[in-house]
Amino acid sequence: MPNIGPGELILILVIVLVIFGPGKLPDIGSAIGRGVREFRKASNDLEDSIRGETKKPAPPPAAPPPAPSDTAEPK
């Protein structure tokens, strides 16, 4: 499969600009971004489930032992 070079990329962008117009390009870009983000999240979730890693919340830190009081009776 051949790689897409800078010339082909510019040609594709010009065709998209002619077809959709400059007003729709931000909407198209945000939709593509959301799709890529969703795909990446699903891919990471699938990879985590295959590896058996579950995201468990970290246990709360243990409370420090109570400090000895100064009001203890002398012996």
N, C-alpha and C. Protein backbone atom coordinates (compact mmCIF):
# COMPACT_ATOMS: atom_id res chain seq x y z
N MET A 1 0.85 -1.17 0.00
CA MET A 1 0.00 0.00 0.00
C MET A 1 0.90 1.24 0.00
N PRO A 2 0.72 2.12 -0.95
CA PRO A 2 1.59 3.29 -1.03
C PRO A 2 1.27 4.30 0.07
N ASN A 3 2.30 5.03 0.47
CA ASN A 3 2.13 6.06 1.49
C ASN A 3 1.55 7.32 0.86
N ILE A 4 0.85 8.10 1.65
CA ILE A 4 0.30 9.38 1.18
C ILE A 4 1.35 10.45 1.43
N GLY A 5 1.78 11.08 0.36
CA GLY A 5 2.79 12.12 0.47
C GLY A 5 2.15 13.49 0.63
N PRO A 6 2.97 14.53 0.73
CA PRO A 6 2.43 15.88 0.92
C PRO A 6 1.59 16.36 -0.26
N GLY A 7 1.95 15.99 -1.48
CA GLY A 7 1.17 16.39 -2.64
C GLY A 7 -0.23 15.79 -2.63
N GLU A 8 -0.32 14.51 -2.31
CA GLU A 8 -1.62 13.85 -2.24
C GLU A 8 -2.47 14.40 -1.11
N LEU A 9 -1.83 14.72 0.00
CA LEU A 9 -2.55 15.28 1.13
C LEU A 9 -3.15 16.64 0.79
N ILE A 10 -2.39 17.48 0.11
CA ILE A 10 -2.89 18.79 -0.29
C ILE A 10 -4.04 18.63 -1.28
N LEU A 11 -3.93 17.69 -2.20
CA LEU A 11 -5.00 17.44 -3.16
C LEU A 11 -6.28 17.00 -2.45
N ILE A 12 -6.16 16.12 -1.48
CA ILE A 12 -7.33 15.66 -0.72
C ILE A 12 -7.96 16.83 0.03
N LEU A 13 -7.14 17.67 0.65
CA LEU A 13 -7.68 18.82 1.39
C LEU A 13 -8.39 19.81 0.48
N VAL A 14 -7.86 20.03 -0.72
CA VAL A 14 -8.51 20.93 -1.67
C VAL A 14 -9.86 20.36 -2.11
N ILE A 15 -9.91 19.07 -2.38
CA ILE A 15 -11.17 18.43 -2.79
C ILE A 15 -12.20 18.52 -1.67
N VAL A 16 -11.79 18.28 -0.43
CA VAL A 16 -12.70 18.38 0.71
C VAL A 16 -13.19 19.82 0.86
N LEU A 17 -12.31 20.79 0.68
CA LEU A 17 -12.70 22.19 0.78
C LEU A 17 -13.71 22.56 -0.29
N VAL A 18 -13.53 22.07 -1.52
CA VAL A 18 -14.47 22.37 -2.60
C VAL A 18 -15.82 21.70 -2.35
N ILE A 19 -15.80 20.47 -1.87
CA ILE A 19 -17.06 19.74 -1.67
C ILE A 19 -17.86 20.30 -0.49
N PHE A 20 -17.21 20.51 0.64
CA PHE A 20 -17.94 20.88 1.85
C PHE A 20 -17.94 22.38 2.12
N GLY A 21 -16.99 23.11 1.60
CA GLY A 21 -16.93 24.55 1.84
C GLY A 21 -16.23 24.86 3.14
N PRO A 22 -15.78 26.11 3.29
CA PRO A 22 -15.02 26.47 4.49
C PRO A 22 -15.86 26.51 5.77
N GLY A 23 -17.16 26.63 5.66
CA GLY A 23 -18.01 26.69 6.86
C GLY A 23 -18.15 25.37 7.57
N LYS A 24 -18.08 24.27 6.83
CA LYS A 24 -18.27 22.94 7.42
C LYS A 24 -16.98 22.30 7.90
N LEU A 25 -15.82 22.85 7.52
CA LEU A 25 -14.56 22.21 7.88
C LEU A 25 -14.35 22.08 9.39
N PRO A 26 -14.66 23.10 10.21
CA PRO A 26 -14.49 22.90 11.66
C PRO A 26 -15.37 21.78 12.21
N ASP A 27 -16.60 21.67 11.70
CA ASP A 27 -17.48 20.60 12.16
C ASP A 27 -16.93 19.23 11.77
N ILE A 28 -16.42 19.13 10.57
CA ILE A 28 -15.85 17.87 10.10
C ILE A 28 -14.61 17.51 10.93
N GLY A 29 -13.77 18.51 11.18
CA GLY A 29 -12.56 18.26 11.97
C GLY A 29 -12.88 17.80 13.38
N SER A 30 -13.88 18.44 14.01
CA SER A 30 -14.22 18.03 15.38
C SER A 30 -14.85 16.65 15.39
N ALA A 31 -15.63 16.31 14.37
CA ALA A 31 -16.23 14.98 14.31
C ALA A 31 -15.15 13.91 14.13
N ILE A 32 -14.16 14.20 13.29
CA ILE A 32 -13.06 13.24 13.10
C ILE A 32 -12.27 13.10 14.40
N GLY A 33 -12.03 14.21 15.09
CA GLY A 33 -11.31 14.17 16.37
C GLY A 33 -12.04 13.34 17.41
N ARG A 34 -13.36 13.52 17.50
CA ARG A 34 -14.14 12.72 18.45
C ARG A 34 -14.08 11.24 18.09
N GLY A 35 -14.14 10.94 16.80
CA GLY A 35 -14.08 9.54 16.38
C GLY A 35 -12.75 8.90 16.71
N VAL A 36 -11.66 9.62 16.47
CA VAL A 36 -10.33 9.10 16.78
C VAL A 36 -10.18 8.91 18.29
N ARG A 37 -10.66 9.88 19.07
CA ARG A 37 -10.57 9.79 20.54
C ARG A 37 -11.36 8.59 21.05
N GLU A 38 -12.57 8.38 20.52
CA GLU A 38 -13.40 7.25 20.93
C GLU A 38 -12.75 5.92 20.54
N PHE A 39 -12.17 5.87 19.34
CA PHE A 39 -11.49 4.65 18.90
C PHE A 39 -10.30 4.34 19.80
N ARG A 40 -9.53 5.36 20.15
CA ARG A 40 -8.35 5.16 21.00
C ARG A 40 -8.78 4.67 22.38
N LYS A 41 -9.86 5.24 22.93
CA LYS A 41 -10.34 4.83 24.25
C LYS A 41 -10.83 3.37 24.21
N ALA A 42 -11.57 3.02 23.16
CA ALA A 42 -12.05 1.64 23.04
C ALA A 42 -10.88 0.67 22.87
N SER A 43 -9.87 1.09 22.13
CA SER A 43 -8.69 0.24 21.94
C SER A 43 -7.96 0.03 23.25
N ASN A 44 -7.80 1.08 24.02
CA ASN A 44 -7.12 0.95 25.32
C ASN A 44 -7.94 0.09 26.28
N ASP A 45 -9.27 0.24 26.28
CA ASP A 45 -10.11 -0.58 27.15
C ASP A 45 -10.02 -2.05 26.77
N LEU A 46 -10.02 -2.33 25.47
CA LEU A 46 -9.91 -3.71 25.01
C LEU A 46 -8.56 -4.30 25.40
N GLU A 47 -7.51 -3.52 25.23
CA GLU A 47 -6.18 -4.00 25.58
C GLU A 47 -6.08 -4.28 27.07
N ASP A 48 -6.66 -3.41 27.91
CA ASP A 48 -6.65 -3.63 29.35
C ASP A 48 -7.43 -4.88 29.72
N SER A 49 -8.57 -5.12 29.06
CA SER A 49 -9.36 -6.29 29.40
C SER A 49 -8.65 -7.58 28.96
N ILE A 50 -7.91 -7.51 27.86
CA ILE A 50 -7.18 -8.69 27.41
C ILE A 50 -6.04 -9.01 28.37
N ARG A 51 -5.37 -7.99 28.84
CA ARG A 51 -4.26 -8.21 29.77
C ARG A 51 -4.74 -8.57 31.16
N GLY A 52 -6.01 -8.37 31.44
CA GLY A 52 -6.55 -8.71 32.75
C GLY A 52 -6.34 -7.62 33.77
N GLU A 53 -5.96 -6.46 33.31
CA GLU A 53 -5.75 -5.35 34.23
C GLU A 53 -7.08 -4.64 34.45
N THR A 54 -7.46 -4.58 35.69
CA THR A 54 -8.66 -3.83 36.01
C THR A 54 -8.24 -2.59 36.78
N LYS A 55 -8.90 -1.53 36.49
CA LYS A 55 -8.55 -0.28 37.15
C LYS A 55 -9.32 -0.21 38.48
N LYS A 56 -8.65 -0.63 39.52
CA LYS A 56 -9.25 -0.60 40.84
C LYS A 56 -8.78 0.67 41.54
N PRO A 57 -9.67 1.30 42.29
CA PRO A 57 -9.22 2.49 43.01
C PRO A 57 -8.20 2.11 44.07
N ALA A 58 -7.26 2.98 44.30
CA ALA A 58 -6.23 2.74 45.29
C ALA A 58 -6.86 2.73 46.68
N PRO A 59 -6.40 1.84 47.56
CA PRO A 59 -6.97 1.82 48.91
C PRO A 59 -6.60 3.10 49.64
N PRO A 60 -7.47 3.54 50.53
CA PRO A 60 -7.16 4.77 51.26
C PRO A 60 -5.94 4.55 52.15
N PRO A 61 -5.17 5.59 52.39
CA PRO A 61 -3.98 5.42 53.24
C PRO A 61 -4.40 5.06 54.67
N ALA A 62 -3.58 4.25 55.28
CA ALA A 62 -3.87 3.81 56.65
C ALA A 62 -3.76 5.00 57.60
N ALA A 63 -4.64 5.01 58.58
CA ALA A 63 -4.63 6.09 59.56
C ALA A 63 -3.43 5.89 60.48
N PRO A 64 -2.74 6.96 60.84
CA PRO A 64 -1.60 6.82 61.75
C PRO A 64 -2.09 6.40 63.14
N PRO A 65 -1.25 5.67 63.88
CA PRO A 65 -1.67 5.24 65.22
C PRO A 65 -1.85 6.47 66.11
N PRO A 66 -2.74 6.35 67.08
CA PRO A 66 -2.97 7.51 67.96
C PRO A 66 -1.71 7.84 68.76
N ALA A 67 -1.49 9.11 68.93
CA ALA A 67 -0.31 9.57 69.67
C ALA A 67 -0.57 9.36 71.17
N PRO A 68 0.49 9.01 71.93
CA PRO A 68 0.30 8.85 73.37
C PRO A 68 -0.06 10.19 74.00
N SER A 69 -0.96 10.14 74.95
CA SER A 69 -1.38 11.39 75.58
C SER A 69 -0.42 11.77 76.69
N ASP A 70 -0.30 13.05 76.96
CA ASP A 70 0.58 13.58 78.00
C ASP A 70 -0.09 13.55 79.38
N THR A 71 -1.36 13.19 79.43
CA THR A 71 -2.08 13.21 80.70
C THR A 71 -2.10 11.85 81.38
N ALA A 72 -1.18 10.96 81.03
CA ALA A 72 -1.15 9.63 81.65
C ALA A 72 -0.70 9.75 83.09
N GLU A 73 -1.18 8.85 83.94
CA GLU A 73 -0.83 8.88 85.36
C GLU A 73 0.61 8.43 85.57
N PRO A 74 1.35 9.15 86.40
CA PRO A 74 2.72 8.71 86.68
C PRO A 74 2.71 7.44 87.55
N LYS A 75 3.69 6.62 87.40
CA LYS A 75 3.75 5.36 88.18
C LYS A 75 4.72 5.45 89.29
